[in-house]
Amino acid sequence: MPKITLKAARTNAGLTQKEAANALKISNKTLWKWENGLTFPNAAMIDRLCDLYKIPYDNLSFLPNNSL
């Protein structure tokens, strides 16, 4: 399976940015920064993202779409 961005994974999971941020107990701004490649989640948060979005780590790209 090709890699997909964090934003695409969130959208595919049917979550808004606010819903995903609330589920992860982080701010919308933090999630926005991750989705835009300005900052990156730590290992524990990556596991939580994979669980929330129901996607394996190997399929996630932590860079925005225009960087792929």
Protein backbone atom coordinates (compact mmCIF):
# COMPACT_ATOMS: atom_id res chain seq x y z
CA MET A 1 0.00 0.00 0.00
CA PRO A 2 1.37 3.46 -0.83
CA LYS A 3 2.09 5.90 1.96
CA ILE A 4 -0.59 8.42 2.80
CA THR A 5 -0.33 11.69 4.68
CA LEU A 6 -1.57 12.20 8.22
CA LYS A 7 -4.33 14.44 6.90
CA ALA A 8 -5.46 11.80 4.39
CA ALA A 9 -5.39 9.11 7.09
CA ARG A 10 -7.53 11.31 9.36
CA THR A 11 -9.97 12.06 6.55
CA ASN A 12 -10.17 8.38 5.60
CA ALA A 13 -10.98 7.61 9.24
CA GLY A 14 -13.93 10.02 8.96
CA LEU A 15 -12.59 12.44 11.57
CA THR A 16 -12.38 16.19 11.59
CA GLN A 17 -9.18 17.76 12.84
CA LYS A 18 -10.98 18.79 16.03
CA GLU A 19 -12.34 15.27 16.63
CA ALA A 20 -8.94 13.67 16.10
CA ALA A 21 -7.20 16.22 18.35
CA ASN A 22 -9.78 15.63 21.08
CA ALA A 23 -9.38 11.85 20.82
CA LEU A 24 -5.59 12.22 21.07
CA LYS A 25 -5.89 14.79 23.88
CA ILE A 26 -3.81 17.35 21.99
CA SER A 27 -4.60 20.78 20.58
CA ASN A 28 -5.88 21.35 17.06
CA LYS A 29 -2.77 23.46 16.48
CA THR A 30 -0.47 20.55 17.34
CA LEU A 31 -2.29 18.23 14.96
CA TRP A 32 -2.25 20.92 12.26
CA LYS A 33 1.54 21.26 12.67
CA TRP A 34 1.98 17.49 12.33
CA GLU A 35 -0.23 17.36 9.24
CA ASN A 36 1.75 20.18 7.63
CA GLY A 37 5.18 18.75 8.48
CA LEU A 38 6.16 21.63 10.76
CA THR A 39 6.66 19.35 13.77
CA PHE A 40 6.47 15.61 14.25
CA PRO A 41 4.79 13.38 16.84
CA ASN A 42 6.86 11.31 19.26
CA ALA A 43 6.88 7.50 19.11
CA ALA A 44 4.09 7.06 21.68
CA MET A 45 1.86 9.50 19.82
CA ILE A 46 2.59 7.78 16.51
CA ASP A 47 1.23 4.56 18.02
CA ARG A 48 -1.90 6.42 19.14
CA LEU A 49 -2.32 7.94 15.66
CA CYS A 50 -2.05 4.49 14.05
CA ASP A 51 -4.64 3.09 16.45
CA LEU A 52 -7.01 6.01 15.96
CA TYR A 53 -6.72 6.02 12.16
CA LYS A 54 -6.56 2.20 11.94
CA ILE A 55 -3.52 2.27 9.70
CA PRO A 56 -0.10 0.62 10.06
CA TYR A 57 2.91 2.83 10.73
CA ASP A 58 4.56 1.74 7.48
CA ASN A 59 1.71 3.31 5.49
CA LEU A 60 1.96 6.78 7.06
CA SER A 61 3.88 9.71 5.66
CA PHE A 62 4.74 12.47 8.08
CA LEU A 63 5.25 15.03 5.35
CA PRO A 64 2.52 17.09 3.71
CA ASN A 65 1.20 16.08 0.29
CA ASN A 66 3.33 18.53 -1.65
CA SER A 67 6.49 17.01 -0.13
CA LEU A 68 5.87 13.44 -1.30
